[in-house]
Amino acid sequence: MPGYPFITIGGAVATNAHGKSCVLHGTIKNSIKEIKIFHVKNGWLNLSEKENKEIFDLTIGGIGLTGTIVNVTFKLEEFKNKNFITYKSKVNSIKECISEISKKSKEKDSFVYSWNMAENLKYLGKGFIFQNKINTDNSKKF
């Protein structure tokens, strides 16, 4: 899940974007099952770990140079519960942020991301860490 609300699936694949909890889940590449592209000279191509693997690998993070991404099939994970509890904590530096994200990302059923200031060196890295945990207590409704 990217942090920017207007990202496209094709754009995320073309840049091999990361999202929430990339320390734990990696980049979008880890979630892709198949891609369909259109190439001007080669036409329609189906890409996966089993079909056209070399082009599949070049397309993810290839900034669109292998063709136009027209369809992406994702590997999905089943969530047994639909509710999350979000915890927010302050950080004062990039170093502190990295340390806290590393710790929190190791917790079971945890999705961690941050928002950090970057507009000037004085406050660089100051911000917040958000940790979403799956609510396993079904009696709590949000």
N, C-alpha and C. Protein backbone atom coordinates (compact mmCIF):
# COMPACT_ATOMS: atom_id res chain seq x y z
N MET A 1 0.85 -1.17 0.00
CA MET A 1 0.00 0.00 0.00
C MET A 1 0.90 1.24 0.00
N PRO A 2 0.91 1.98 -1.08
CA PRO A 2 1.74 3.18 -1.15
C PRO A 2 1.25 4.28 -0.22
N GLY A 3 2.13 5.17 0.13
CA GLY A 3 1.77 6.28 1.00
C GLY A 3 1.12 7.43 0.26
N TYR A 4 1.25 7.49 -1.05
CA TYR A 4 0.68 8.57 -1.85
C TYR A 4 -0.68 8.12 -2.39
N PRO A 5 -1.74 8.90 -2.21
CA PRO A 5 -3.08 8.43 -2.56
C PRO A 5 -3.41 8.34 -4.05
N PHE A 6 -2.63 8.96 -4.93
CA PHE A 6 -2.99 9.00 -6.34
C PHE A 6 -2.06 8.17 -7.22
N ILE A 7 -1.34 7.25 -6.66
CA ILE A 7 -0.42 6.41 -7.43
C ILE A 7 -1.21 5.44 -8.30
N THR A 8 -0.68 5.13 -9.48
CA THR A 8 -1.32 4.13 -10.33
C THR A 8 -0.63 2.79 -10.14
N ILE A 9 -1.33 1.71 -10.44
CA ILE A 9 -0.74 0.38 -10.34
C ILE A 9 0.43 0.27 -11.31
N GLY A 10 0.24 0.72 -12.55
CA GLY A 10 1.31 0.67 -13.55
C GLY A 10 2.53 1.47 -13.11
N GLY A 11 2.30 2.64 -12.52
CA GLY A 11 3.40 3.47 -12.02
C GLY A 11 4.14 2.81 -10.88
N ALA A 12 3.40 2.16 -10.00
CA ALA A 12 4.02 1.46 -8.87
C ALA A 12 4.88 0.30 -9.37
N VAL A 13 4.39 -0.44 -10.36
CA VAL A 13 5.15 -1.55 -10.94
C VAL A 13 6.37 -1.01 -11.67
N ALA A 14 6.20 0.03 -12.47
CA ALA A 14 7.29 0.59 -13.27
C ALA A 14 8.42 1.14 -12.42
N THR A 15 8.12 1.52 -11.18
CA THR A 15 9.16 2.04 -10.29
C THR A 15 9.54 1.05 -9.19
N ASN A 16 8.89 -0.13 -9.20
CA ASN A 16 9.09 -1.12 -8.13
C ASN A 16 8.91 -0.45 -6.77
N ALA A 17 7.80 0.26 -6.65
CA ALA A 17 7.52 1.05 -5.45
C ALA A 17 7.43 0.18 -4.20
N HIS A 18 7.74 0.81 -3.11
CA HIS A 18 7.52 0.18 -1.81
C HIS A 18 6.37 0.91 -1.15
N GLY A 19 5.83 0.33 -0.15
CA GLY A 19 4.73 0.96 0.54
C GLY A 19 4.87 0.76 2.03
N LYS A 20 3.77 0.62 2.69
CA LYS A 20 3.77 0.41 4.12
C LYS A 20 4.49 -0.90 4.45
N SER A 21 5.29 -0.87 5.48
CA SER A 21 6.01 -2.05 5.98
C SER A 21 6.93 -2.70 4.95
N CYS A 22 7.64 -1.88 4.20
CA CYS A 22 8.53 -2.45 3.18
C CYS A 22 9.68 -3.24 3.80
N VAL A 23 10.01 -2.97 5.05
CA VAL A 23 11.04 -3.75 5.74
C VAL A 23 10.58 -5.20 5.85
N LEU A 24 9.30 -5.38 6.12
CA LEU A 24 8.74 -6.71 6.29
C LEU A 24 8.30 -7.34 4.97
N HIS A 25 7.66 -6.55 4.11
CA HIS A 25 7.05 -7.10 2.90
C HIS A 25 7.81 -6.83 1.61
N GLY A 26 8.83 -5.98 1.66
CA GLY A 26 9.60 -5.68 0.46
C GLY A 26 8.87 -4.73 -0.47
N THR A 27 9.27 -4.73 -1.72
CA THR A 27 8.66 -3.84 -2.71
C THR A 27 7.48 -4.52 -3.39
N ILE A 28 6.86 -3.82 -4.30
CA ILE A 28 5.68 -4.35 -5.00
C ILE A 28 6.01 -5.65 -5.76
N LYS A 29 7.27 -5.83 -6.15
CA LYS A 29 7.66 -7.03 -6.89
C LYS A 29 7.25 -8.31 -6.16
N ASN A 30 7.35 -8.29 -4.84
CA ASN A 30 7.00 -9.48 -4.05
C ASN A 30 5.51 -9.82 -4.10
N SER A 31 4.70 -8.88 -4.55
CA SER A 31 3.25 -9.09 -4.58
C SER A 31 2.69 -9.37 -5.96
N ILE A 32 3.54 -9.37 -6.98
CA ILE A 32 3.05 -9.52 -8.36
C ILE A 32 3.11 -10.97 -8.82
N LYS A 33 1.98 -11.42 -9.34
CA LYS A 33 1.88 -12.76 -9.91
C LYS A 33 2.11 -12.73 -11.41
N GLU A 34 1.44 -11.82 -12.12
CA GLU A 34 1.54 -11.72 -13.58
C GLU A 34 1.39 -10.27 -14.02
N ILE A 35 1.96 -9.97 -15.17
CA ILE A 35 1.83 -8.65 -15.79
C ILE A 35 1.52 -8.85 -17.27
N LYS A 36 0.68 -7.99 -17.80
CA LYS A 36 0.45 -7.98 -19.24
C LYS A 36 0.89 -6.61 -19.74
N ILE A 37 1.75 -6.60 -20.77
CA ILE A 37 2.22 -5.33 -21.33
C ILE A 37 1.93 -5.30 -22.83
N PHE A 38 1.97 -4.09 -23.37
CA PHE A 38 1.91 -3.93 -24.82
C PHE A 38 3.20 -3.26 -25.24
N HIS A 39 3.91 -3.90 -26.18
CA HIS A 39 5.15 -3.38 -26.73
C HIS A 39 4.91 -3.05 -28.20
N VAL A 40 5.39 -1.89 -28.64
CA VAL A 40 5.13 -1.42 -30.00
C VAL A 40 5.54 -2.45 -31.05
N LYS A 41 6.71 -3.06 -30.93
CA LYS A 41 7.18 -4.02 -31.93
C LYS A 41 6.75 -5.46 -31.65
N ASN A 42 6.64 -5.84 -30.38
CA ASN A 42 6.36 -7.23 -30.03
C ASN A 42 4.90 -7.50 -29.68
N GLY A 43 4.07 -6.47 -29.62
CA GLY A 43 2.65 -6.65 -29.32
C GLY A 43 2.39 -6.97 -27.86
N TRP A 44 1.35 -7.77 -27.64
CA TRP A 44 0.93 -8.14 -26.28
C TRP A 44 1.83 -9.21 -25.72
N LEU A 45 2.29 -9.03 -24.49
CA LEU A 45 3.16 -10.01 -23.83
C LEU A 45 2.65 -10.30 -22.43
N ASN A 46 2.54 -11.58 -22.11
CA ASN A 46 2.22 -12.00 -20.75
C ASN A 46 3.54 -12.28 -20.03
N LEU A 47 3.67 -11.74 -18.84
CA LEU A 47 4.91 -11.86 -18.08
C LEU A 47 4.64 -12.45 -16.71
N SER A 48 5.54 -13.32 -16.26
CA SER A 48 5.45 -13.89 -14.91
C SER A 48 6.80 -14.55 -14.59
N GLU A 49 6.88 -15.16 -13.44
CA GLU A 49 8.09 -15.91 -13.08
C GLU A 49 8.30 -17.10 -14.02
N LYS A 50 7.22 -17.57 -14.66
CA LYS A 50 7.29 -18.75 -15.53
C LYS A 50 7.25 -18.40 -17.02
N GLU A 51 6.68 -17.26 -17.37
CA GLU A 51 6.51 -16.89 -18.77
C GLU A 51 7.19 -15.54 -19.04
N ASN A 52 8.15 -15.53 -19.95
CA ASN A 52 8.91 -14.31 -20.26
C ASN A 52 9.53 -13.69 -19.00
N LYS A 53 10.16 -14.54 -18.19
CA LYS A 53 10.71 -14.12 -16.90
C LYS A 53 11.69 -12.96 -17.02
N GLU A 54 12.55 -12.99 -18.04
CA GLU A 54 13.55 -11.91 -18.17
C GLU A 54 12.86 -10.56 -18.36
N ILE A 55 11.82 -10.52 -19.19
CA ILE A 55 11.09 -9.27 -19.42
C ILE A 55 10.27 -8.90 -18.18
N PHE A 56 9.74 -9.91 -17.49
CA PHE A 56 9.03 -9.70 -16.22
C PHE A 56 9.94 -8.97 -15.24
N ASP A 57 11.16 -9.47 -15.07
CA ASP A 57 12.13 -8.86 -14.15
C ASP A 57 12.53 -7.46 -14.60
N LEU A 58 12.65 -7.25 -15.91
CA LEU A 58 13.03 -5.93 -16.43
C LEU A 58 11.87 -4.92 -16.34
N THR A 59 10.65 -5.40 -16.38
CA THR A 59 9.48 -4.52 -16.35
C THR A 59 9.26 -3.94 -14.95
N ILE A 60 9.45 -4.77 -13.93
CA ILE A 60 9.27 -4.30 -12.56
C ILE A 60 10.48 -3.44 -12.20
N GLY A 61 10.23 -2.14 -12.11
CA GLY A 61 11.31 -1.19 -11.86
C GLY A 61 11.94 -0.66 -13.13
N GLY A 62 11.40 -1.02 -14.29
CA GLY A 62 11.97 -0.63 -15.58
C GLY A 62 11.48 0.69 -16.13
N ILE A 63 10.79 1.46 -15.32
CA ILE A 63 10.23 2.78 -15.66
C ILE A 63 9.52 2.85 -17.02
N GLY A 64 8.90 1.74 -17.41
CA GLY A 64 8.09 1.71 -18.62
C GLY A 64 8.84 1.41 -19.90
N LEU A 65 10.12 1.11 -19.82
CA LEU A 65 10.91 0.92 -21.04
C LEU A 65 10.62 -0.39 -21.76
N THR A 66 9.98 -1.36 -21.09
CA THR A 66 9.68 -2.64 -21.76
C THR A 66 8.33 -2.63 -22.45
N GLY A 67 7.53 -1.60 -22.21
CA GLY A 67 6.21 -1.51 -22.82
C GLY A 67 5.22 -0.89 -21.86
N THR A 68 3.99 -0.75 -22.33
CA THR A 68 2.93 -0.17 -21.51
C THR A 68 2.30 -1.26 -20.65
N ILE A 69 2.29 -1.05 -19.36
CA ILE A 69 1.68 -2.01 -18.43
C ILE A 69 0.18 -1.82 -18.49
N VAL A 70 -0.54 -2.88 -18.89
CA VAL A 70 -1.99 -2.75 -19.04
C VAL A 70 -2.77 -3.60 -18.04
N ASN A 71 -2.12 -4.59 -17.44
CA ASN A 71 -2.81 -5.43 -16.47
C ASN A 71 -1.79 -6.02 -15.50
N VAL A 72 -2.16 -6.06 -14.23
CA VAL A 72 -1.31 -6.66 -13.21
C VAL A 72 -2.18 -7.57 -12.35
N THR A 73 -1.72 -8.79 -12.12
CA THR A 73 -2.40 -9.72 -11.23
C THR A 73 -1.53 -9.87 -9.99
N PHE A 74 -2.13 -9.65 -8.84
CA PHE A 74 -1.39 -9.69 -7.58
C PHE A 74 -1.58 -11.01 -6.84
N LYS A 75 -0.57 -11.37 -6.07
CA LYS A 75 -0.68 -12.44 -5.08
C LYS A 75 -1.38 -11.79 -3.89
N LEU A 76 -2.39 -12.42 -3.36
CA LEU A 76 -3.14 -11.84 -2.25
C LEU A 76 -2.96 -12.64 -0.97
N GLU A 77 -3.09 -11.94 0.14
CA GLU A 77 -3.06 -12.58 1.44
C GLU A 77 -4.43 -12.45 2.06
N GLU A 78 -4.87 -13.49 2.72
CA GLU A 78 -6.16 -13.43 3.39
C GLU A 78 -5.99 -12.86 4.79
N PHE A 79 -6.80 -11.87 5.11
CA PHE A 79 -6.84 -11.35 6.46
C PHE A 79 -8.03 -11.97 7.16
N LYS A 80 -7.80 -12.54 8.31
CA LYS A 80 -8.89 -13.18 9.04
C LYS A 80 -9.76 -12.15 9.75
N ASN A 81 -9.24 -10.96 9.94
CA ASN A 81 -9.98 -9.92 10.62
C ASN A 81 -9.91 -8.65 9.79
N LYS A 82 -10.96 -7.88 9.76
CA LYS A 82 -11.02 -6.70 8.93
C LYS A 82 -10.62 -5.41 9.66
N ASN A 83 -10.39 -5.49 10.95
CA ASN A 83 -10.12 -4.29 11.73
C ASN A 83 -8.64 -4.17 12.09
N PHE A 84 -8.16 -2.95 12.07
CA PHE A 84 -6.80 -2.64 12.49
C PHE A 84 -6.86 -1.63 13.62
N ILE A 85 -5.88 -1.67 14.48
CA ILE A 85 -5.69 -0.65 15.50
C ILE A 85 -4.43 0.09 15.10
N THR A 86 -4.50 1.42 15.04
CA THR A 86 -3.35 2.22 14.63
C THR A 86 -2.75 2.93 15.84
N TYR A 87 -1.44 2.77 15.99
CA TYR A 87 -0.69 3.44 17.04
C TYR A 87 0.22 4.46 16.38
N LYS A 88 0.35 5.62 17.00
CA LYS A 88 1.21 6.68 16.44
C LYS A 88 2.22 7.09 17.51
N SER A 89 3.48 7.23 17.09
CA SER A 89 4.51 7.71 18.01
C SER A 89 5.40 8.73 17.31
N LYS A 90 5.95 9.66 18.09
CA LYS A 90 6.81 10.71 17.54
C LYS A 90 8.25 10.21 17.42
N VAL A 91 8.95 10.72 16.40
CA VAL A 91 10.39 10.51 16.28
C VAL A 91 11.03 11.87 16.00
N ASN A 92 12.28 12.01 16.42
CA ASN A 92 12.96 13.30 16.28
C ASN A 92 14.07 13.31 15.24
N SER A 93 14.34 12.15 14.64
CA SER A 93 15.41 12.11 13.64
C SER A 93 15.22 10.90 12.73
N ILE A 94 15.93 10.91 11.60
CA ILE A 94 15.90 9.76 10.69
C ILE A 94 16.46 8.53 11.39
N LYS A 95 17.54 8.71 12.14
CA LYS A 95 18.17 7.59 12.86
C LYS A 95 17.18 6.94 13.83
N GLU A 96 16.47 7.75 14.59
CA GLU A 96 15.47 7.23 15.51
C GLU A 96 14.33 6.55 14.75
N CYS A 97 13.93 7.13 13.63
CA CYS A 97 12.86 6.57 12.81
C CYS A 97 13.23 5.18 12.30
N ILE A 98 14.42 5.05 11.75
CA ILE A 98 14.88 3.76 11.22
C ILE A 98 14.93 2.72 12.33
N SER A 99 15.44 3.11 13.49
CA SER A 99 15.54 2.18 14.62
C SER A 99 14.15 1.71 15.06
N GLU A 100 13.22 2.65 15.20
CA GLU A 100 11.86 2.30 15.66
C GLU A 100 11.12 1.46 14.62
N ILE A 101 11.25 1.79 13.35
CA ILE A 101 10.58 1.01 12.30
C ILE A 101 11.14 -0.41 12.28
N SER A 102 12.45 -0.55 12.43
CA SER A 102 13.06 -1.89 12.45
C SER A 102 12.50 -2.72 13.60
N LYS A 103 12.35 -2.12 14.77
CA LYS A 103 11.81 -2.85 15.93
C LYS A 103 10.35 -3.22 15.73
N LYS A 104 9.55 -2.22 15.35
CA LYS A 104 8.11 -2.44 15.24
C LYS A 104 7.74 -3.37 14.08
N SER A 105 8.52 -3.39 13.02
CA SER A 105 8.24 -4.23 11.86
C SER A 105 8.39 -5.71 12.16
N LYS A 106 9.12 -6.04 13.20
CA LYS A 106 9.34 -7.45 13.57
C LYS A 106 8.17 -8.03 14.34
N GLU A 107 7.27 -7.18 14.81
CA GLU A 107 6.12 -7.66 15.57
C GLU A 107 5.12 -8.34 14.64
N LYS A 108 4.51 -9.40 15.13
CA LYS A 108 3.55 -10.17 14.35
C LYS A 108 2.34 -9.33 13.95
N ASP A 109 1.86 -9.53 12.72
CA ASP A 109 0.67 -8.85 12.21
C ASP A 109 0.77 -7.33 12.34
N SER A 110 1.92 -6.78 11.98
CA SER A 110 2.16 -5.36 12.12
C SER A 110 2.54 -4.74 10.78
N PHE A 111 1.95 -3.59 10.48
CA PHE A 111 2.25 -2.84 9.27
C PHE A 111 2.73 -1.46 9.71
N VAL A 112 3.96 -1.14 9.41
CA VAL A 112 4.59 0.06 9.94
C VAL A 112 5.01 1.00 8.82
N TYR A 113 4.78 2.29 9.00
CA TYR A 113 5.22 3.29 8.04
C TYR A 113 5.44 4.61 8.78
N SER A 114 6.05 5.57 8.10
CA SER A 114 6.33 6.84 8.77
C SER A 114 6.03 8.03 7.87
N TRP A 115 5.88 9.17 8.49
CA TRP A 115 5.82 10.45 7.82
C TRP A 115 6.90 11.30 8.47
N ASN A 116 7.79 11.85 7.66
CA ASN A 116 8.92 12.61 8.21
C ASN A 116 9.07 13.93 7.48
N MET A 117 9.50 14.95 8.23
CA MET A 117 9.78 16.27 7.65
C MET A 117 11.06 16.20 6.83
N ALA A 118 11.07 16.90 5.72
CA ALA A 118 12.27 16.92 4.89
C ALA A 118 12.50 18.29 4.25
N GLU A 119 11.74 19.30 4.69
CA GLU A 119 11.86 20.59 4.02
C GLU A 119 13.09 21.40 4.41
N ASN A 120 13.72 21.08 5.55
CA ASN A 120 14.96 21.75 5.89
C ASN A 120 15.81 20.86 6.80
N LEU A 121 17.07 21.15 6.87
CA LEU A 121 18.00 20.31 7.64
C LEU A 121 17.74 20.36 9.14
N LYS A 122 17.22 21.47 9.63
CA LYS A 122 16.98 21.61 11.07
C LYS A 122 16.00 20.55 11.58
N TYR A 123 14.97 20.27 10.81
CA TYR A 123 13.94 19.32 11.25
C TYR A 123 13.95 18.01 10.46
N LEU A 124 14.99 17.77 9.69
CA LEU A 124 15.05 16.58 8.84
C LEU A 124 14.83 15.30 9.65
N GLY A 125 13.82 14.57 9.27
CA GLY A 125 13.54 13.29 9.91
C GLY A 125 12.56 13.34 11.05
N LYS A 126 12.29 14.53 11.58
CA LYS A 126 11.32 14.66 12.65
C LYS A 126 9.95 14.27 12.09
N GLY A 127 9.19 13.47 12.82
CA GLY A 127 7.89 13.07 12.29
C GLY A 127 7.19 12.04 13.16
N PHE A 128 6.46 11.16 12.49
CA PHE A 128 5.64 10.17 13.19
C PHE A 128 5.82 8.79 12.58
N ILE A 129 5.70 7.79 13.43
CA ILE A 129 5.65 6.40 12.99
C ILE A 129 4.23 5.91 13.26
N PHE A 130 3.65 5.27 12.26
CA PHE A 130 2.33 4.69 12.40
C PHE A 130 2.48 3.18 12.36
N GLN A 131 1.87 2.52 13.31
CA GLN A 131 1.91 1.06 13.35
C GLN A 131 0.48 0.55 13.37
N ASN A 132 0.11 -0.15 12.31
CA ASN A 132 -1.22 -0.77 12.24
C ASN A 132 -1.09 -2.23 12.63
N LYS A 133 -1.87 -2.63 13.62
CA LYS A 133 -1.88 -4.03 14.04
C LYS A 133 -3.27 -4.59 13.79
N ILE A 134 -3.29 -5.84 13.37
CA ILE A 134 -4.58 -6.50 13.15
C ILE A 134 -5.26 -6.67 14.50
N ASN A 135 -6.52 -6.25 14.56
CA ASN A 135 -7.30 -6.37 15.79
C ASN A 135 -7.79 -7.80 15.92
N THR A 136 -7.24 -8.52 16.85
CA THR A 136 -7.64 -9.92 17.02
C THR A 136 -8.76 -10.06 18.05
N ASP A 137 -9.13 -8.96 18.70
CA ASP A 137 -10.22 -8.96 19.67
C ASP A 137 -11.50 -8.58 18.93
N ASN A 138 -12.27 -9.59 18.53
CA ASN A 138 -13.47 -9.34 17.72
C ASN A 138 -14.55 -8.54 18.45
N SER A 139 -14.43 -8.41 19.77
CA SER A 139 -15.44 -7.65 20.50
C SER A 139 -15.24 -6.15 20.30
N LYS A 140 -14.04 -5.73 19.92
CA LYS A 140 -13.78 -4.31 19.69
C LYS A 140 -14.21 -3.95 18.28
N LYS A 141 -15.11 -3.01 18.17
CA LYS A 141 -15.56 -2.54 16.86
C LYS A 141 -15.10 -1.10 16.70
N PHE A 142 -14.72 -0.76 15.50
CA PHE A 142 -14.22 0.60 15.24
C PHE A 142 -15.13 1.32 14.29
